[in-house]
Amino acid sequence: MADPYGTLAKRISRWCGRPSTFLFALCVIVLWIVSGPLLGFSDTWQLVINTSTTIITFLMVFLIQNTQNRDTAAIQLKLDELIRATQGAQNALLDLEELDETQLEDFRRRYERLATTARGRLSEGQPDTDTPEP
């Protein structure tokens, strides 16, 4: 059985991303504004919208984070597959997101050096289309 929270989060995030959901939220706010004069702009009138939006925002943070984590994991797996399937690619770059900051910084510096060298070659009128070792 699939993760119930993940399934619910996916469904809610898809629903919340629709234009009709935005229009619904906009209508709720317009109704709240229109009801202001009828309710005398009371403290309760203000508390209703403040409390509602705070609760919805609080819950949406977790749903968005769940969706973002799932999307990021899928993208990383796709990138790992592209690296794995590309002849001549550096397999050491697979699962790079799991390295600690020091190891990531080492890789970043290697690729910065490659970029600097390639820009230098371009400025000299040479191509930068080779595949040098990092």
N, C-alpha and C. Protein backbone atom coordinates (compact mmCIF):
# COMPACT_ATOMS: atom_id res chain seq x y z
N MET A 1 0.84 -1.19 0.00
CA MET A 1 0.00 0.00 0.00
C MET A 1 0.88 1.24 0.00
N ALA A 2 0.51 2.21 -0.78
CA ALA A 2 1.29 3.45 -0.89
C ALA A 2 1.21 4.24 0.41
N ASP A 3 2.16 5.13 0.58
CA ASP A 3 2.18 6.01 1.74
C ASP A 3 0.94 6.90 1.74
N PRO A 4 0.04 6.76 2.74
CA PRO A 4 -1.19 7.55 2.73
C PRO A 4 -0.94 9.06 2.77
N TYR A 5 0.04 9.49 3.56
CA TYR A 5 0.33 10.93 3.64
C TYR A 5 0.86 11.44 2.30
N GLY A 6 1.74 10.68 1.68
CA GLY A 6 2.28 11.08 0.39
C GLY A 6 1.21 11.17 -0.68
N THR A 7 0.30 10.20 -0.66
CA THR A 7 -0.80 10.21 -1.62
C THR A 7 -1.71 11.42 -1.39
N LEU A 8 -2.04 11.67 -0.13
CA LEU A 8 -2.89 12.82 0.21
C LEU A 8 -2.19 14.13 -0.15
N ALA A 9 -0.91 14.22 0.18
CA ALA A 9 -0.15 15.44 -0.12
C ALA A 9 -0.10 15.69 -1.62
N LYS A 10 0.08 14.63 -2.41
CA LYS A 10 0.14 14.78 -3.86
C LYS A 10 -1.21 15.27 -4.40
N ARG A 11 -2.29 14.68 -3.92
CA ARG A 11 -3.61 15.08 -4.40
C ARG A 11 -3.93 16.53 -4.02
N ILE A 12 -3.64 16.89 -2.77
CA ILE A 12 -3.93 18.25 -2.32
C ILE A 12 -3.07 19.26 -3.08
N SER A 13 -1.80 18.95 -3.28
CA SER A 13 -0.93 19.89 -3.99
C SER A 13 -1.38 20.07 -5.44
N ARG A 14 -1.84 18.99 -6.07
CA ARG A 14 -2.36 19.13 -7.43
C ARG A 14 -3.63 19.98 -7.44
N TRP A 15 -4.50 19.75 -6.47
CA TRP A 15 -5.74 20.52 -6.38
C TRP A 15 -5.44 21.99 -6.11
N CYS A 16 -4.50 22.25 -5.21
CA CYS A 16 -4.18 23.64 -4.85
C CYS A 16 -3.51 24.39 -6.00
N GLY A 17 -2.88 23.69 -6.91
CA GLY A 17 -2.21 24.34 -8.02
C GLY A 17 -3.11 24.70 -9.18
N ARG A 18 -4.37 24.36 -9.09
CA ARG A 18 -5.30 24.63 -10.19
C ARG A 18 -5.78 26.09 -10.15
N PRO A 19 -6.04 26.66 -11.33
CA PRO A 19 -6.59 28.02 -11.38
C PRO A 19 -7.93 28.13 -10.66
N SER A 20 -8.75 27.08 -10.73
CA SER A 20 -10.06 27.13 -10.06
C SER A 20 -9.91 27.24 -8.54
N THR A 21 -8.88 26.63 -8.00
CA THR A 21 -8.64 26.73 -6.55
C THR A 21 -8.22 28.15 -6.18
N PHE A 22 -7.40 28.75 -7.02
CA PHE A 22 -7.01 30.14 -6.79
C PHE A 22 -8.24 31.04 -6.83
N LEU A 23 -9.08 30.84 -7.82
CA LEU A 23 -10.30 31.65 -7.93
C LEU A 23 -11.21 31.45 -6.72
N PHE A 24 -11.30 30.21 -6.23
CA PHE A 24 -12.09 29.94 -5.03
C PHE A 24 -11.54 30.73 -3.84
N ALA A 25 -10.22 30.69 -3.65
CA ALA A 25 -9.60 31.43 -2.55
C ALA A 25 -9.83 32.93 -2.71
N LEU A 26 -9.73 33.41 -3.92
CA LEU A 26 -9.98 34.83 -4.19
C LEU A 26 -11.41 35.20 -3.85
N CYS A 27 -12.36 34.34 -4.20
CA CYS A 27 -13.77 34.60 -3.88
C CYS A 27 -14.00 34.61 -2.37
N VAL A 28 -13.35 33.71 -1.65
CA VAL A 28 -13.48 33.70 -0.19
C VAL A 28 -12.99 35.02 0.39
N ILE A 29 -11.89 35.53 -0.11
CA ILE A 29 -11.35 36.80 0.40
C ILE A 29 -12.28 37.96 0.04
N VAL A 30 -12.81 37.94 -1.17
CA VAL A 30 -13.75 39.00 -1.57
C VAL A 30 -14.99 38.96 -0.69
N LEU A 31 -15.51 37.76 -0.43
CA LEU A 31 -16.68 37.63 0.46
C LEU A 31 -16.36 38.13 1.87
N TRP A 32 -15.15 37.84 2.32
CA TRP A 32 -14.74 38.31 3.65
C TRP A 32 -14.69 39.84 3.67
N ILE A 33 -14.13 40.43 2.63
CA ILE A 33 -14.04 41.89 2.56
C ILE A 33 -15.44 42.51 2.49
N VAL A 34 -16.30 41.94 1.68
CA VAL A 34 -17.67 42.46 1.54
C VAL A 34 -18.43 42.33 2.86
N SER A 35 -18.15 41.27 3.61
CA SER A 35 -18.86 41.08 4.89
C SER A 35 -18.37 42.04 5.97
N GLY A 36 -17.25 42.69 5.75
CA GLY A 36 -16.70 43.62 6.74
C GLY A 36 -17.67 44.69 7.18
N PRO A 37 -18.23 45.46 6.26
CA PRO A 37 -19.19 46.50 6.67
C PRO A 37 -20.44 45.92 7.35
N LEU A 38 -20.87 44.73 6.89
CA LEU A 38 -22.04 44.11 7.49
C LEU A 38 -21.80 43.68 8.94
N LEU A 39 -20.56 43.30 9.22
CA LEU A 39 -20.21 42.86 10.57
C LEU A 39 -19.50 43.94 11.37
N GLY A 40 -19.45 45.11 10.84
CA GLY A 40 -18.87 46.24 11.55
C GLY A 40 -17.36 46.17 11.71
N PHE A 41 -16.71 45.48 10.80
CA PHE A 41 -15.24 45.33 10.87
C PHE A 41 -14.80 44.95 12.29
N SER A 42 -15.50 44.03 12.89
CA SER A 42 -15.26 43.65 14.29
C SER A 42 -13.95 42.87 14.44
N ASP A 43 -13.55 42.70 15.68
CA ASP A 43 -12.35 41.91 15.96
C ASP A 43 -12.55 40.46 15.54
N THR A 44 -13.75 39.95 15.72
CA THR A 44 -14.05 38.57 15.31
C THR A 44 -13.94 38.44 13.80
N TRP A 45 -14.42 39.43 13.08
CA TRP A 45 -14.34 39.44 11.62
C TRP A 45 -12.88 39.33 11.17
N GLN A 46 -12.01 40.07 11.80
CA GLN A 46 -10.58 40.04 11.46
C GLN A 46 -9.94 38.73 11.91
N LEU A 47 -10.36 38.24 13.09
CA LEU A 47 -9.79 37.02 13.63
C LEU A 47 -10.10 35.81 12.75
N VAL A 48 -11.28 35.80 12.14
CA VAL A 48 -11.66 34.68 11.28
C VAL A 48 -10.68 34.54 10.12
N ILE A 49 -10.39 35.60 9.41
CA ILE A 49 -9.49 35.50 8.25
C ILE A 49 -8.05 35.26 8.70
N ASN A 50 -7.63 35.91 9.78
CA ASN A 50 -6.26 35.71 10.26
C ASN A 50 -6.03 34.27 10.70
N THR A 51 -6.95 33.73 11.46
CA THR A 51 -6.81 32.36 11.94
C THR A 51 -6.88 31.37 10.78
N SER A 52 -7.83 31.58 9.88
CA SER A 52 -7.98 30.68 8.73
C SER A 52 -6.73 30.65 7.87
N THR A 53 -6.23 31.81 7.53
CA THR A 53 -5.05 31.85 6.66
C THR A 53 -3.82 31.31 7.35
N THR A 54 -3.71 31.53 8.64
CA THR A 54 -2.55 31.00 9.38
C THR A 54 -2.58 29.48 9.40
N ILE A 55 -3.73 28.90 9.67
CA ILE A 55 -3.84 27.44 9.71
C ILE A 55 -3.58 26.84 8.33
N ILE A 56 -4.17 27.42 7.30
CA ILE A 56 -3.97 26.91 5.94
C ILE A 56 -2.51 27.02 5.53
N THR A 57 -1.87 28.15 5.84
CA THR A 57 -0.46 28.34 5.50
C THR A 57 0.41 27.33 6.24
N PHE A 58 0.13 27.13 7.52
CA PHE A 58 0.90 26.18 8.33
C PHE A 58 0.83 24.78 7.72
N LEU A 59 -0.36 24.34 7.36
CA LEU A 59 -0.52 23.00 6.78
C LEU A 59 0.09 22.90 5.39
N MET A 60 -0.05 23.96 4.61
CA MET A 60 0.49 23.95 3.25
C MET A 60 2.01 23.85 3.22
N VAL A 61 2.67 24.38 4.23
CA VAL A 61 4.14 24.28 4.29
C VAL A 61 4.57 22.82 4.26
N PHE A 62 3.88 21.98 5.03
CA PHE A 62 4.24 20.56 5.09
C PHE A 62 3.89 19.84 3.79
N LEU A 63 2.76 20.19 3.21
CA LEU A 63 2.38 19.56 1.95
C LEU A 63 3.34 19.96 0.83
N ILE A 64 3.70 21.22 0.77
CA ILE A 64 4.64 21.69 -0.26
C ILE A 64 6.00 21.04 -0.06
N GLN A 65 6.45 20.94 1.18
CA GLN A 65 7.76 20.32 1.45
C GLN A 65 7.75 18.85 1.02
N ASN A 66 6.67 18.14 1.31
CA ASN A 66 6.57 16.75 0.90
C ASN A 66 6.65 16.62 -0.62
N THR A 67 5.89 17.45 -1.31
CA THR A 67 5.89 17.43 -2.77
C THR A 67 7.26 17.79 -3.32
N GLN A 68 7.88 18.80 -2.73
CA GLN A 68 9.20 19.23 -3.20
C GLN A 68 10.25 18.14 -2.95
N ASN A 69 10.19 17.49 -1.81
CA ASN A 69 11.14 16.40 -1.52
C ASN A 69 10.99 15.27 -2.54
N ARG A 70 9.76 14.91 -2.84
CA ARG A 70 9.51 13.84 -3.81
C ARG A 70 10.00 14.24 -5.20
N ASP A 71 9.71 15.47 -5.61
CA ASP A 71 10.16 15.94 -6.92
C ASP A 71 11.68 16.00 -7.01
N THR A 72 12.31 16.47 -5.95
CA THR A 72 13.77 16.55 -5.93
C THR A 72 14.39 15.16 -6.02
N ALA A 73 13.84 14.21 -5.29
CA ALA A 73 14.36 12.84 -5.34
C ALA A 73 14.21 12.27 -6.75
N ALA A 74 13.07 12.51 -7.39
CA ALA A 74 12.85 12.01 -8.76
C ALA A 74 13.84 12.65 -9.74
N ILE A 75 14.06 13.93 -9.60
CA ILE A 75 15.00 14.63 -10.49
C ILE A 75 16.41 14.09 -10.29
N GLN A 76 16.80 13.88 -9.03
CA GLN A 76 18.14 13.35 -8.76
C GLN A 76 18.31 11.96 -9.36
N LEU A 77 17.28 11.13 -9.25
CA LEU A 77 17.36 9.79 -9.85
C LEU A 77 17.47 9.86 -11.37
N LYS A 78 16.74 10.77 -11.98
CA LYS A 78 16.82 10.93 -13.43
C LYS A 78 18.21 11.41 -13.84
N LEU A 79 18.75 12.36 -13.09
CA LEU A 79 20.10 12.84 -13.40
C LEU A 79 21.13 11.72 -13.20
N ASP A 80 20.96 10.94 -12.13
CA ASP A 80 21.86 9.81 -11.90
C ASP A 80 21.81 8.82 -13.07
N GLU A 81 20.60 8.58 -13.59
CA GLU A 81 20.46 7.66 -14.72
C GLU A 81 21.13 8.23 -15.97
N LEU A 82 21.00 9.53 -16.19
CA LEU A 82 21.67 10.14 -17.35
C LEU A 82 23.18 10.03 -17.22
N ILE A 83 23.70 10.25 -16.03
CA ILE A 83 25.15 10.11 -15.81
C ILE A 83 25.56 8.66 -16.05
N ARG A 84 24.81 7.74 -15.47
CA ARG A 84 25.14 6.32 -15.59
C ARG A 84 25.11 5.86 -17.04
N ALA A 85 24.16 6.34 -17.82
CA ALA A 85 23.97 5.87 -19.19
C ALA A 85 24.85 6.59 -20.20
N THR A 86 25.49 7.68 -19.82
CA THR A 86 26.31 8.45 -20.75
C THR A 86 27.74 7.94 -20.73
N GLN A 87 28.18 7.46 -21.88
CA GLN A 87 29.54 6.95 -21.97
C GLN A 87 30.53 8.09 -21.75
N GLY A 88 31.50 7.85 -20.90
CA GLY A 88 32.51 8.85 -20.60
C GLY A 88 32.14 9.78 -19.45
N ALA A 89 30.92 9.66 -18.94
CA ALA A 89 30.52 10.51 -17.81
C ALA A 89 31.20 10.03 -16.53
N GLN A 90 31.37 10.92 -15.61
CA GLN A 90 32.02 10.60 -14.34
C GLN A 90 31.00 9.93 -13.40
N ASN A 91 31.11 8.63 -13.22
CA ASN A 91 30.19 7.92 -12.34
C ASN A 91 30.34 8.34 -10.89
N ALA A 92 31.42 8.99 -10.55
CA ALA A 92 31.60 9.50 -9.18
C ALA A 92 30.58 10.58 -8.86
N LEU A 93 29.95 11.14 -9.90
CA LEU A 93 28.94 12.17 -9.68
C LEU A 93 27.58 11.59 -9.33
N LEU A 94 27.43 10.28 -9.45
CA LEU A 94 26.17 9.65 -9.05
C LEU A 94 25.94 9.89 -7.56
N ASP A 95 24.71 10.16 -7.19
CA ASP A 95 24.33 10.31 -5.78
C ASP A 95 25.11 11.41 -5.07
N LEU A 96 25.45 12.43 -5.82
CA LEU A 96 26.26 13.54 -5.31
C LEU A 96 25.60 14.26 -4.14
N GLU A 97 24.26 14.31 -4.14
CA GLU A 97 23.54 15.03 -3.10
C GLU A 97 23.72 14.40 -1.71
N GLU A 98 24.27 13.19 -1.66
CA GLU A 98 24.47 12.52 -0.37
C GLU A 98 25.84 12.81 0.25
N LEU A 99 26.69 13.51 -0.47
CA LEU A 99 28.03 13.82 0.04
C LEU A 99 27.96 14.94 1.08
N ASP A 100 28.99 15.00 1.92
CA ASP A 100 29.03 16.09 2.89
C ASP A 100 29.53 17.37 2.21
N GLU A 101 29.46 18.46 2.93
CA GLU A 101 29.78 19.78 2.34
C GLU A 101 31.20 19.86 1.81
N THR A 102 32.15 19.26 2.50
CA THR A 102 33.55 19.31 2.07
C THR A 102 33.73 18.58 0.73
N GLN A 103 33.14 17.41 0.61
CA GLN A 103 33.24 16.66 -0.64
C GLN A 103 32.55 17.40 -1.78
N LEU A 104 31.40 17.98 -1.51
CA LEU A 104 30.70 18.76 -2.54
C LEU A 104 31.55 19.95 -2.98
N GLU A 105 32.17 20.59 -2.04
CA GLU A 105 33.02 21.76 -2.35
C GLU A 105 34.20 21.34 -3.23
N ASP A 106 34.78 20.16 -2.98
CA ASP A 106 35.87 19.66 -3.83
C ASP A 106 35.41 19.48 -5.27
N PHE A 107 34.23 18.85 -5.46
CA PHE A 107 33.70 18.68 -6.80
C PHE A 107 33.41 20.03 -7.45
N ARG A 108 32.83 20.95 -6.68
CA ARG A 108 32.50 22.27 -7.22
C ARG A 108 33.76 22.97 -7.71
N ARG A 109 34.83 22.91 -6.93
CA ARG A 109 36.09 23.55 -7.32
C ARG A 109 36.64 22.94 -8.61
N ARG A 110 36.56 21.62 -8.75
CA ARG A 110 37.04 20.96 -9.97
C ARG A 110 36.29 21.50 -11.20
N TYR A 111 34.97 21.61 -11.07
CA TYR A 111 34.18 22.06 -12.20
C TYR A 111 34.33 23.56 -12.44
N GLU A 112 34.61 24.32 -11.42
CA GLU A 112 34.92 25.74 -11.61
C GLU A 112 36.21 25.89 -12.41
N ARG A 113 37.21 25.05 -12.11
CA ARG A 113 38.47 25.09 -12.86
C ARG A 113 38.23 24.73 -14.33
N LEU A 114 37.39 23.72 -14.57
CA LEU A 114 37.06 23.35 -15.95
C LEU A 114 36.39 24.51 -16.68
N ALA A 115 35.45 25.18 -16.00
CA ALA A 115 34.74 26.30 -16.62
C ALA A 115 35.70 27.45 -16.90
N THR A 116 36.59 27.74 -15.98
CA THR A 116 37.56 28.82 -16.17
C THR A 116 38.47 28.52 -17.36
N THR A 117 38.93 27.28 -17.45
CA THR A 117 39.78 26.87 -18.57
C THR A 117 39.02 26.99 -19.90
N ALA A 118 37.76 26.55 -19.90
CA ALA A 118 36.96 26.62 -21.12
C ALA A 118 36.72 28.06 -21.54
N ARG A 119 36.45 28.95 -20.60
CA ARG A 119 36.26 30.37 -20.94
C ARG A 119 37.54 30.99 -21.48
N GLY A 120 38.66 30.58 -20.92
CA GLY A 120 39.95 31.06 -21.42
C GLY A 120 40.18 30.61 -22.85
N ARG A 121 39.85 29.37 -23.13
CA ARG A 121 40.00 28.85 -24.50
C ARG A 121 39.08 29.59 -25.46
N LEU A 122 37.85 29.88 -25.02
CA LEU A 122 36.92 30.62 -25.87
C LEU A 122 37.45 32.02 -26.17
N SER A 123 38.02 32.67 -25.17
CA SER A 123 38.53 34.02 -25.38
C SER A 123 39.73 34.03 -26.33
N GLU A 124 40.40 32.90 -26.45
CA GLU A 124 41.52 32.77 -27.39
C GLU A 124 41.06 32.28 -28.76
N GLY A 125 39.73 32.12 -28.92
CA GLY A 125 39.19 31.67 -30.19
C GLY A 125 39.21 30.17 -30.39
N GLN A 126 39.51 29.42 -29.33
CA GLN A 126 39.54 27.97 -29.42
C GLN A 126 38.19 27.40 -28.98
N PRO A 127 37.86 26.20 -29.45
CA PRO A 127 36.59 25.58 -29.03
C PRO A 127 36.69 25.07 -27.58
N ASP A 128 35.55 24.95 -26.95
CA ASP A 128 35.53 24.40 -25.59
C ASP A 128 34.64 23.17 -25.53
N THR A 129 34.59 22.43 -26.62
CA THR A 129 33.68 21.31 -26.72
C THR A 129 34.30 19.97 -26.40
N ASP A 130 35.50 19.94 -25.90
CA ASP A 130 36.11 18.66 -25.54
C ASP A 130 35.53 18.17 -24.21
N THR A 131 35.96 17.00 -23.80
CA THR A 131 35.51 16.45 -22.52
C THR A 131 36.71 16.16 -21.63
N PRO A 132 37.27 17.20 -21.04
CA PRO A 132 38.45 16.99 -20.18
C PRO A 132 38.07 16.29 -18.88
N GLU A 133 39.01 15.65 -18.30
CA GLU A 133 38.80 14.99 -17.00
C GLU A 133 38.77 16.08 -15.91
N PRO A 134 37.85 15.95 -14.98
CA PRO A 134 37.79 16.96 -13.90
C PRO A 134 38.94 16.81 -12.93
